[in-house]
């Protein structure tokens, strides 16, 4: 596709507002100033000062930045051609913005910002997966009613994976599996007898003996590596969250509710993520999963990229492609096609321009809630426990993610993971049980809960949308 032809006829720039100046937001601010078709003059964070710091980190002269805490201050700064650092989206949402980019990663705040943006008639680029997995389809329906779109955003894995899947389908390829690599590789130093992942170094024994797959059955190889590397986390809630967002958009499903999440070298992916009848782990086709990339220090990373595993239905063509270096399974029945990157806000412009110029989402035309990300207790949790979400991954101590069929909220229904986040248990939950809505204290004024009830009415109520 020629991107200049697709975007180059624009008569004006697309004006943006980034909400949340963390890693994604800052990378967007730095790159957006270099994109001719994007206007980037507004950043919002918890305080105007923090938003101002993000602008300075992006290379904006401090003398060009105005800190704004009211709508009047923001309007005056906009009219004066200033760069705006604001403390609240409400201060700036009435300015001539085309696309609001929600990137806080905070479930409740992100829900509030998303609602504000949609109600103000703005396109919404939803980076915050914590919001998308709970109420993304409902927000998209609200936006459609106003002639606007909610879009995932390139540079993050859900949007890139949707693109990879739909690209393969447009080519007539049969998808067996699709997914991503985890954020952090498992890097094996054989001489030192250690594996490093996400800054942690652990000693290992026996990994050299199962370094090469050979003719070993997939399940045995995966189980042995998981045992050897049991000191390192092998599943994370964000991975499952992102994959369920993609699954809801493109009609894939997890093979197991907590994913297989095997530890694999890149060349092993099409073998392991094939059906059992072909020597893989999967109980069927069109499955979605994640793998932990195992490599030596001098080997290339998958870089948190995305992939599809497709059937090799034309043996002659795939034989030629194998000779050219493409990655096929050991029995030549499947192949992996992959995109080894996700470069955060540096790549976000394509989705922003699609929304702002063409009124098109980078994701599903009409996303539907097919799966929910539920919360499962990994230890006995007493009543009164505060389910604090913390850290870069917004994880909750002693709680893991679990995929369940989407349904309307109810007392005995599994509570969405990020609706439970930062809320208190009103009754005890035993280890291994799914936390239900009735187990959690959810305030009546929760914007996230209100949006979810609206989504439930749209998709599961008496007059549910098809």
Protein backbone atom coordinates (compact mmCIF):
# COMPACT_ATOMS: atom_id res chain seq x y z
CA UNK A 1 0.00 0.00 0.00
CA UNK A 2 1.25 3.49 -0.89
CA UNK A 3 0.74 5.53 2.27
CA UNK A 4 1.36 8.83 0.49
CA UNK A 5 -1.53 8.07 -1.86
CA UNK A 6 -3.76 6.98 1.01
CA UNK A 7 -3.14 10.04 3.18
CA UNK A 8 -1.57 12.60 0.86
CA UNK A 9 -4.75 14.22 -0.44
CA UNK A 10 -5.60 15.71 2.96
CA UNK A 11 -6.61 19.35 2.81
CA UNK A 12 -5.60 20.02 6.41
CA UNK A 13 -3.77 18.56 9.36
CA UNK A 14 -5.43 16.28 11.89
CA UNK A 15 -5.45 17.98 15.28
CA UNK A 16 -4.76 15.70 18.23
CA UNK A 17 -4.80 15.64 22.00
CA UNK A 18 -2.80 13.03 23.91
CA UNK A 19 -4.08 12.11 27.37
CA UNK A 20 -1.44 10.37 29.46
CA UNK A 21 2.20 11.29 28.93
CA UNK A 22 3.82 7.99 29.87
CA UNK A 23 5.99 5.90 27.55
CA UNK A 24 3.43 5.75 24.75
CA UNK A 25 2.32 9.36 25.11
CA UNK A 26 5.83 10.77 25.16
CA UNK A 27 6.89 8.76 22.14
CA UNK A 28 3.81 10.03 20.29
CA UNK A 29 4.55 13.65 21.17
CA UNK A 30 8.14 13.37 19.99
CA UNK A 31 7.20 11.79 16.66
CA UNK A 32 3.94 13.63 15.92
CA UNK A 33 5.81 16.93 15.61
CA UNK A 34 7.64 15.38 12.64
CA UNK A 35 4.49 14.15 10.85
CA UNK A 36 3.36 16.77 8.30
CA UNK A 37 -0.33 15.80 8.45
CA UNK A 38 -0.64 15.81 12.26
CA UNK A 39 -1.09 18.77 14.55
CA UNK A 40 0.10 18.04 18.07
CA UNK A 41 -0.27 20.97 20.42
CA UNK A 42 -2.22 19.53 23.36
CA UNK A 43 -1.06 17.13 26.08
CA UNK A 44 -2.98 16.23 29.25
CA UNK A 45 -1.64 14.52 32.36
CA UNK A 46 -2.43 14.38 36.08
CA UNK A 47 -1.03 17.89 36.43
CA UNK A 48 -0.28 20.56 33.86
CA UNK A 49 3.30 20.52 35.11
CA UNK A 50 3.69 16.83 34.24
CA UNK A 51 2.24 17.45 30.79
CA UNK A 52 4.71 20.31 30.39
CA UNK A 53 7.59 17.98 31.31
CA UNK A 54 6.46 15.62 28.57
CA UNK A 55 6.51 18.44 26.03
CA UNK A 56 10.01 19.46 27.09
CA UNK A 57 11.15 15.83 26.81
CA UNK A 58 9.74 15.84 23.27
CA UNK A 59 11.95 18.80 22.40
CA UNK A 60 9.56 21.74 22.80
CA UNK A 61 11.09 24.92 24.15
CA UNK A 62 9.68 25.67 27.62
CA UNK A 63 8.93 29.24 26.48
CA UNK A 64 6.40 27.89 23.96
CA UNK A 65 4.40 25.90 26.56
CA UNK A 66 1.39 27.23 28.48
CA UNK A 67 0.16 25.37 31.57
CA UNK A 68 -3.64 25.28 31.62
CA UNK A 69 -6.03 24.30 34.40
CA UNK A 70 -9.24 25.82 33.03
CA UNK A 71 -11.06 25.85 29.72
CA UNK A 72 -10.61 29.62 29.46
CA UNK A 73 -6.84 29.33 29.87
CA UNK A 74 -6.73 26.58 27.25
CA UNK A 75 -8.81 28.58 24.75
CA UNK A 76 -6.58 31.63 25.15
CA UNK A 77 -3.45 29.52 24.71
CA UNK A 78 -4.89 27.83 21.59
CA UNK A 79 -5.86 31.13 20.01
CA UNK A 80 -2.35 32.43 20.68
CA UNK A 81 -0.81 29.43 18.88
CA UNK A 82 0.78 28.07 22.06
CA UNK A 83 1.62 24.47 23.00
CA UNK A 84 -0.81 23.42 25.72
CA UNK A 85 -0.06 21.35 28.82
CA UNK A 86 -3.33 20.69 30.66
CA UNK A 87 -4.38 18.99 33.88
CA UNK A 88 -7.76 17.71 32.66
CA UNK A 89 -9.22 16.68 29.32
CA UNK A 90 -12.35 18.65 30.21
CA UNK A 91 -10.26 21.83 29.93
CA UNK A 92 -9.39 21.23 26.29
CA UNK A 93 -11.96 18.85 24.78
CA UNK A 94 -13.97 21.71 23.23
CA UNK A 95 -10.95 22.98 21.30
CA UNK A 96 -10.87 22.06 17.57
CA UNK A 97 -9.53 18.55 18.14
CA UNK A 98 -10.09 15.76 15.62
CA UNK A 99 -8.68 12.80 17.57
CA UNK A 100 -8.27 12.28 21.32
CA UNK A 101 -5.63 9.65 22.14
CA UNK A 102 -6.33 8.04 25.52
CA UNK A 103 -3.09 6.54 26.84
CA UNK A 104 -3.30 6.74 30.63
CA UNK A 105 -3.57 2.99 31.19
CA UNK A 106 -5.85 3.73 34.16
CA UNK A 107 -9.24 1.94 33.95
CA UNK A 108 -11.44 4.52 35.68
CA UNK A 109 -9.70 7.68 34.48
CA UNK A 110 -9.41 6.24 30.99
CA UNK A 111 -13.14 5.51 30.96
CA UNK A 112 -13.92 9.09 31.96
CA UNK A 113 -11.64 10.51 29.28
CA UNK A 114 -13.07 8.19 26.64
CA UNK A 115 -16.64 9.18 27.51
CA UNK A 116 -15.73 12.88 27.42
CA UNK A 117 -14.08 12.53 24.02
CA UNK A 118 -16.94 10.60 22.43
CA UNK A 119 -19.64 12.86 23.88
CA UNK A 120 -17.73 15.89 22.54
CA UNK A 121 -17.85 14.40 19.04
CA UNK A 122 -14.17 13.51 18.78
CA UNK A 123 -12.65 10.42 17.26
CA UNK A 124 -11.06 8.31 20.01
CA UNK A 125 -7.78 6.43 19.65
CA UNK A 126 -7.87 4.01 22.58
CA UNK A 127 -4.39 2.99 23.69
CA UNK A 128 -5.54 2.04 27.19
CA UNK A 129 -6.24 -1.68 26.86
CA UNK A 130 -7.58 -1.60 30.42
CA UNK A 131 -10.55 0.40 29.12
CA UNK A 132 -10.86 -1.27 25.73
CA UNK A 133 -11.26 -4.81 27.07
CA UNK A 134 -14.08 -3.74 29.42
CA UNK A 135 -16.06 -1.24 27.32
CA UNK A 136 -14.39 -0.89 23.90
CA UNK A 137 -17.33 -2.19 21.80
CA UNK A 138 -19.78 -0.01 23.71
CA UNK A 139 -17.64 3.10 23.20
CA UNK A 140 -17.38 2.27 19.50
CA UNK A 141 -21.18 2.05 19.27
CA UNK A 142 -21.55 5.42 21.04
CA UNK A 143 -19.05 6.97 18.62
CA UNK A 144 -20.83 5.53 15.56
CA UNK A 145 -24.04 7.17 16.71
CA UNK A 146 -22.20 10.51 16.46
CA UNK A 147 -20.54 9.73 13.13
CA UNK A 148 -17.15 9.15 14.78
CA UNK A 149 -14.94 6.12 15.38
CA UNK A 150 -13.06 4.48 18.22
CA UNK A 151 -9.85 2.94 16.97
CA UNK A 152 -7.02 0.86 18.37
CA UNK A 153 -3.69 2.39 17.52
CA UNK A 154 -0.75 1.18 15.48
CA UNK A 155 2.42 0.92 17.50
CA UNK A 156 0.61 -1.25 20.04
CA UNK A 157 0.09 -4.98 19.51
CA UNK A 158 -3.72 -5.26 19.30
CA UNK A 159 -3.95 -2.95 16.29
CA UNK A 160 -0.87 -4.45 14.63
CA UNK A 161 -2.23 -7.96 15.13
CA UNK A 162 -5.62 -7.00 13.69
CA UNK A 163 -3.76 -5.67 10.68
CA UNK A 164 -1.69 -8.84 10.32
CA UNK A 165 -4.75 -11.11 10.56
CA UNK A 166 -6.88 -9.13 8.13
CA UNK A 167 -3.94 -8.82 5.70
CA UNK A 168 -3.56 -12.62 5.70
CA UNK A 169 -7.30 -13.12 5.24
CA UNK A 170 -7.38 -10.64 2.36
CA UNK A 171 -4.71 -12.77 0.66
CA UNK A 172 -6.85 -15.89 1.07
CA UNK A 173 -4.47 -17.50 3.57
CA UNK A 174 -5.96 -19.93 6.10
CA UNK A 175 -5.15 -18.88 9.65
CA UNK A 176 -4.30 -21.55 12.17
CA UNK A 177 -3.08 -19.23 14.91
CA UNK A 178 -2.15 -15.62 15.56
CA UNK A 179 -0.58 -13.73 18.41
CA UNK A 180 2.41 -11.86 19.72
CA UNK A 181 5.58 -12.38 21.62
CA UNK A 182 5.70 -11.31 25.24
CA UNK A 183 7.21 -7.94 26.12
CA UNK A 184 10.45 -9.37 27.49
CA UNK A 185 12.66 -12.03 25.91
CA UNK A 186 14.24 -14.93 27.77
CA UNK A 187 17.94 -14.49 26.95
CA UNK A 188 20.09 -17.57 27.59
CA UNK A 189 23.79 -17.19 28.38
CA UNK A 190 24.98 -20.77 28.07
CA UNK A 191 28.48 -20.07 29.38
CA UNK A 192 27.14 -18.41 32.53
CA UNK A 193 24.24 -20.86 32.92
CA UNK A 194 21.73 -18.03 33.32
CA UNK A 195 18.63 -16.61 31.68
CA UNK A 196 17.85 -12.89 31.80
CA UNK A 197 14.31 -11.53 31.40
CA UNK A 198 13.00 -8.06 32.26
CA UNK A 199 16.07 -7.23 34.31
CA UNK A 200 16.03 -10.46 36.33
CA UNK A 201 18.80 -13.03 36.06
CA UNK A 202 18.15 -16.59 37.18
CA UNK A 203 20.46 -19.62 37.14
CA UNK A 204 19.25 -22.54 35.02
CA UNK A 205 20.26 -26.12 34.49
CA UNK A 206 19.16 -28.41 31.70
CA UNK A 207 18.23 -25.75 29.17
CA UNK A 208 21.07 -26.69 26.80
CA UNK A 209 19.59 -30.20 26.56
CA UNK A 210 16.27 -28.84 25.26
CA UNK A 211 17.61 -25.87 23.35
CA UNK A 212 16.92 -27.55 20.01
CA UNK A 213 13.43 -28.86 19.35
CA UNK A 214 14.49 -31.73 17.11
CA UNK A 215 11.79 -34.40 17.02
CA UNK A 216 10.59 -33.80 20.59
CA UNK A 217 6.78 -33.64 20.97
CA UNK A 218 5.64 -30.03 21.32
CA UNK A 219 3.87 -30.55 24.64
CA UNK A 220 6.87 -32.26 26.24
CA UNK A 221 9.32 -29.58 25.06
CA UNK A 222 7.06 -26.78 26.26
CA UNK A 223 6.51 -28.41 29.64
CA UNK A 224 10.22 -29.03 30.18
CA UNK A 225 11.22 -25.46 29.38
CA UNK A 226 8.44 -24.13 31.61
CA UNK A 227 9.77 -26.29 34.45
CA UNK A 228 13.39 -25.21 33.96
CA UNK A 229 12.41 -21.54 33.87
CA UNK A 230 9.72 -21.66 36.55
CA UNK A 231 11.51 -18.93 38.53
CA UNK A 232 10.52 -16.41 35.84
CA UNK A 233 6.96 -15.19 35.11
CA UNK A 234 5.65 -16.85 31.97
CA UNK A 235 2.15 -15.34 31.79
CA UNK A 236 1.07 -11.73 32.28
CA UNK A 237 -2.39 -10.19 32.39
CA UNK A 238 -1.53 -7.49 29.79
CA UNK A 239 -0.65 -10.16 27.20
CA UNK A 240 -4.00 -11.88 27.68
CA UNK A 241 -5.80 -8.53 27.68
CA UNK A 242 -4.27 -7.41 24.39
CA UNK A 243 -4.95 -10.73 22.73
CA UNK A 244 -8.59 -10.78 23.82
CA UNK A 245 -9.06 -7.28 22.39
CA UNK A 246 -7.71 -8.58 19.08
CA UNK A 247 -9.81 -11.75 19.36
CA UNK A 248 -12.97 -9.67 19.80
CA UNK A 249 -12.09 -7.70 16.68
CA UNK A 250 -11.11 -10.46 14.24
CA UNK A 251 -12.98 -13.55 15.40
CA UNK A 252 -10.19 -15.63 16.94
CA UNK A 253 -10.29 -17.40 20.31
CA UNK A 254 -7.85 -18.59 22.96
CA UNK A 255 -7.11 -22.32 23.01
CA UNK A 256 -7.12 -22.26 26.81
CA UNK A 257 -8.42 -19.56 29.17
CA UNK A 258 -4.98 -18.59 30.48
CA UNK A 259 -3.13 -19.14 27.17
CA UNK A 260 -0.41 -21.70 26.50
CA UNK A 261 2.33 -19.02 26.65
CA UNK A 262 5.17 -21.40 25.67
CA UNK A 263 8.85 -20.50 25.79
CA UNK A 264 9.98 -20.80 22.18
CA UNK A 265 12.73 -19.91 19.80
CA UNK A 266 11.40 -17.99 16.81
CA UNK A 267 11.80 -20.88 14.35
CA UNK A 268 9.65 -23.14 16.56
CA UNK A 269 6.51 -20.98 16.55
CA UNK A 270 4.74 -22.51 13.49
CA UNK A 271 5.35 -26.02 14.79
CA UNK A 272 4.10 -25.45 18.33
CA UNK A 273 1.22 -23.15 17.34
CA UNK A 274 -0.30 -25.70 14.98
CA UNK A 275 -3.07 -28.18 15.61
CA UNK A 276 -2.40 -31.38 17.56
CA UNK A 277 -2.89 -33.42 14.41
CA UNK A 278 0.10 -31.55 12.93
CA UNK A 279 2.25 -31.99 16.03
CA UNK A 280 1.34 -28.75 17.81
CA UNK A 281 -0.47 -27.72 20.99
CA UNK A 282 -3.72 -26.40 19.60
CA UNK A 283 -7.10 -28.10 19.78
CA UNK A 284 -8.36 -26.31 16.67
CA UNK A 285 -7.67 -23.50 14.23
CA UNK A 286 -8.06 -19.71 14.47
CA UNK A 287 -6.51 -19.69 17.92
CA UNK A 288 -4.78 -16.75 19.59
CA UNK A 289 -1.79 -17.00 21.93
CA UNK A 290 1.50 -15.51 23.13
CA UNK A 291 5.00 -16.94 23.27
CA UNK A 292 8.03 -16.01 25.34
CA UNK A 293 10.91 -15.50 22.93
CA UNK A 294 13.90 -17.64 23.90
CA UNK A 295 17.21 -16.58 22.37
CA UNK A 296 20.93 -16.21 22.90
CA UNK A 297 22.38 -12.73 23.49
CA UNK A 298 23.62 -12.50 19.89
CA UNK A 299 20.31 -13.58 18.32
CA UNK A 300 17.63 -11.23 17.07
CA UNK A 301 14.61 -10.43 19.23
CA UNK A 302 10.97 -10.74 18.19
CA UNK A 303 10.63 -7.31 19.88
CA UNK A 304 7.10 -7.88 21.15
CA UNK A 305 5.95 -8.21 17.55
CA UNK A 306 2.95 -10.02 16.09
CA UNK A 307 2.50 -13.08 13.90
CA UNK A 308 0.07 -15.29 12.04
CA UNK A 309 0.54 -19.02 11.49
CA UNK A 310 -1.03 -20.10 8.20
CA UNK A 311 -1.55 -23.39 6.40
CA UNK A 312 0.89 -24.25 3.62
CA UNK A 313 -1.76 -25.18 1.05
CA UNK A 314 0.50 -24.74 -2.00
CA UNK A 315 3.51 -27.00 -1.30
CA UNK A 316 5.54 -25.79 -4.29
CA UNK A 317 5.24 -22.11 -3.36
CA UNK A 318 6.04 -22.75 0.29
CA UNK A 319 9.05 -24.87 -0.65
CA UNK A 320 10.38 -21.87 -2.56
CA UNK A 321 9.60 -19.58 0.37
CA UNK A 322 11.40 -21.89 2.81
CA UNK A 323 14.47 -21.66 0.61
CA UNK A 324 14.19 -17.88 0.83
CA UNK A 325 14.30 -18.04 4.62
CA UNK A 326 10.66 -18.06 5.62
CA UNK A 327 9.80 -19.90 8.83
CA UNK A 328 7.94 -23.19 8.29
CA UNK A 329 7.00 -25.91 10.73
CA UNK A 330 9.16 -29.01 10.84
CA UNK A 331 6.62 -30.99 8.77
CA UNK A 332 6.01 -28.11 6.29
CA UNK A 333 2.26 -27.94 7.02
CA UNK A 334 2.25 -24.43 8.53
CA UNK A 335 4.31 -21.26 8.25
CA UNK A 336 4.72 -18.14 10.37
CA UNK A 337 4.46 -14.67 8.84
CA UNK A 338 5.44 -11.99 11.30
CA UNK A 339 6.09 -8.36 12.05
CA UNK A 340 8.89 -8.14 14.64
CA UNK A 341 8.13 -4.70 16.02
CA UNK A 342 5.78 -2.53 18.00
CA UNK A 343 7.23 0.93 18.30
CA UNK A 344 4.66 2.66 20.48
CA UNK A 345 3.78 6.24 19.61
CA UNK A 346 6.37 6.41 16.85
CA UNK A 347 3.94 4.43 14.68
CA UNK A 348 0.65 5.81 15.94
CA UNK A 349 0.19 8.31 13.12
CA UNK A 350 -1.28 5.75 10.70
CA UNK A 351 -4.25 5.02 12.97
CA UNK A 352 -4.67 8.69 13.90
CA UNK A 353 -4.73 9.69 10.23
CA UNK A 354 -7.14 6.88 9.32
CA UNK A 355 -9.57 8.15 11.92
CA UNK A 356 -9.05 11.86 11.36
CA UNK A 357 -8.95 11.89 7.55
CA UNK A 358 -11.08 8.92 6.55
CA UNK A 359 -13.30 8.30 9.59
CA UNK A 360 -12.08 4.71 9.69
CA UNK A 361 -10.95 2.55 12.59
CA UNK A 362 -7.78 0.46 12.35
CA UNK A 363 -9.72 -2.30 14.10
CA UNK A 364 -13.05 -4.01 13.52
CA UNK A 365 -15.75 -2.08 11.68
CA UNK A 366 -18.23 -3.09 14.39
CA UNK A 367 -16.37 -4.61 17.38
CA UNK A 368 -18.39 -6.98 19.53
CA UNK A 369 -17.77 -8.28 23.05
CA UNK A 370 -17.01 -11.96 22.50
CA UNK A 371 -14.62 -12.50 25.42
CA UNK A 372 -14.14 -10.87 28.80
CA UNK A 373 -10.90 -10.76 30.74
CA UNK A 374 -11.88 -12.17 34.14
CA UNK A 375 -9.91 -12.21 37.40
CA UNK A 376 -8.92 -15.46 39.13
CA UNK A 377 -7.65 -15.70 42.70
CA UNK A 378 -4.19 -17.26 42.92
CA UNK A 379 -4.38 -17.36 46.73
CA UNK A 380 -7.13 -17.21 49.34
CA UNK A 381 -8.28 -13.57 49.38
CA UNK A 382 -10.06 -12.43 52.55
CA UNK A 383 -12.97 -10.00 52.56
CA UNK A 384 -11.70 -6.43 52.69
CA UNK A 385 -8.74 -7.08 50.39
CA UNK A 386 -8.00 -4.06 48.20
CA UNK A 387 -7.29 -5.29 44.67
CA UNK A 388 -4.61 -2.73 43.96
CA UNK A 389 -3.39 -2.57 40.37
CA UNK A 390 0.23 -1.43 40.34
CA UNK A 391 3.42 -1.35 38.32
CA UNK A 392 4.02 -1.03 34.60
CA UNK A 393 1.69 -3.98 33.91
CA UNK A 394 -1.08 -2.81 36.28
CA UNK A 395 -1.03 -6.25 37.87
CA UNK A 396 -2.94 -7.23 41.01
CA UNK A 397 -1.12 -9.27 43.65
CA UNK A 398 -2.35 -12.87 43.85
CA UNK A 399 -4.79 -12.35 40.96
CA UNK A 400 -4.31 -13.58 37.38
CA UNK A 401 -6.23 -13.16 34.14
CA UNK A 402 -8.64 -15.69 32.69
CA UNK A 403 -10.63 -15.60 29.45
CA UNK A 404 -14.38 -16.19 29.70
CA UNK A 405 -17.25 -15.73 27.22
CA UNK A 406 -18.53 -12.16 27.42
CA UNK A 407 -21.81 -11.61 29.22
CA UNK A 408 -23.75 -8.89 30.99
CA UNK A 409 -22.65 -7.99 34.50
CA UNK A 410 -24.44 -9.80 37.32
CA UNK A 411 -23.81 -10.78 40.91
CA UNK A 412 -22.65 -14.30 39.99
CA UNK A 413 -20.90 -13.30 36.75
CA UNK A 414 -17.07 -13.06 36.65
CA UNK A 415 -16.10 -9.42 37.11
CA UNK A 416 -13.96 -7.92 34.34
CA UNK A 417 -10.37 -7.79 35.60
CA UNK A 418 -9.96 -4.03 35.24
CA UNK A 419 -13.39 -3.30 36.67
CA UNK A 420 -12.19 -5.14 39.79
CA UNK A 421 -8.89 -3.22 39.82
CA UNK A 422 -8.42 -0.83 42.76
CA UNK A 423 -11.66 -1.99 44.39
CA UNK A 424 -12.25 -3.85 47.64
CA UNK A 425 -13.57 -7.36 48.11
CA UNK A 426 -16.80 -7.48 50.10
CA UNK A 427 -16.50 -11.22 50.66
CA UNK A 428 -13.72 -13.80 50.67
CA UNK A 429 -12.64 -15.54 47.46
CA UNK A 430 -10.92 -18.92 47.64
CA UNK A 431 -7.79 -19.77 45.68
CA UNK A 432 -8.61 -20.90 42.15
CA UNK A 433 -12.02 -19.21 42.03
CA UNK A 434 -13.05 -16.52 39.59
CA UNK A 435 -13.89 -13.24 41.31
CA UNK A 436 -17.51 -12.28 40.59
CA UNK A 437 -19.22 -8.91 40.41
CA UNK A 438 -20.92 -9.69 43.72
CA UNK A 439 -17.53 -10.16 45.37
CA UNK A 440 -16.40 -6.60 44.61
CA UNK A 441 -17.47 -3.21 45.91
CA UNK A 442 -18.22 -1.13 42.81
CA UNK A 443 -19.23 2.49 43.40
CA UNK A 444 -22.42 3.68 41.75
CA UNK A 445 -20.56 6.69 40.31
CA UNK A 446 -17.97 4.53 38.53
CA UNK A 447 -17.77 5.76 34.92
CA UNK A 448 -16.28 2.42 33.82
CA UNK A 449 -19.17 0.49 35.39
CA UNK A 450 -21.73 2.88 33.88
CA UNK A 451 -20.22 2.46 30.42
CA UNK A 452 -20.16 -1.30 30.88
CA UNK A 453 -23.83 -1.42 31.83
CA UNK A 454 -24.59 0.60 28.71
CA UNK A 455 -22.54 -1.83 26.61
CA UNK A 456 -24.33 -4.79 28.20
CA UNK A 457 -27.69 -3.26 27.26
CA UNK A 458 -26.53 -2.75 23.68
CA UNK A 459 -25.19 -6.27 23.16
CA UNK A 460 -27.03 -8.46 25.68
CA UNK A 461 -30.25 -6.54 26.42
CA UNK A 462 -33.73 -7.12 24.96
CA UNK A 463 -33.02 -4.92 21.95
CA UNK A 464 -29.43 -6.08 21.50
CA UNK A 465 -27.59 -4.99 18.37
CA UNK A 466 -26.86 -7.83 15.92
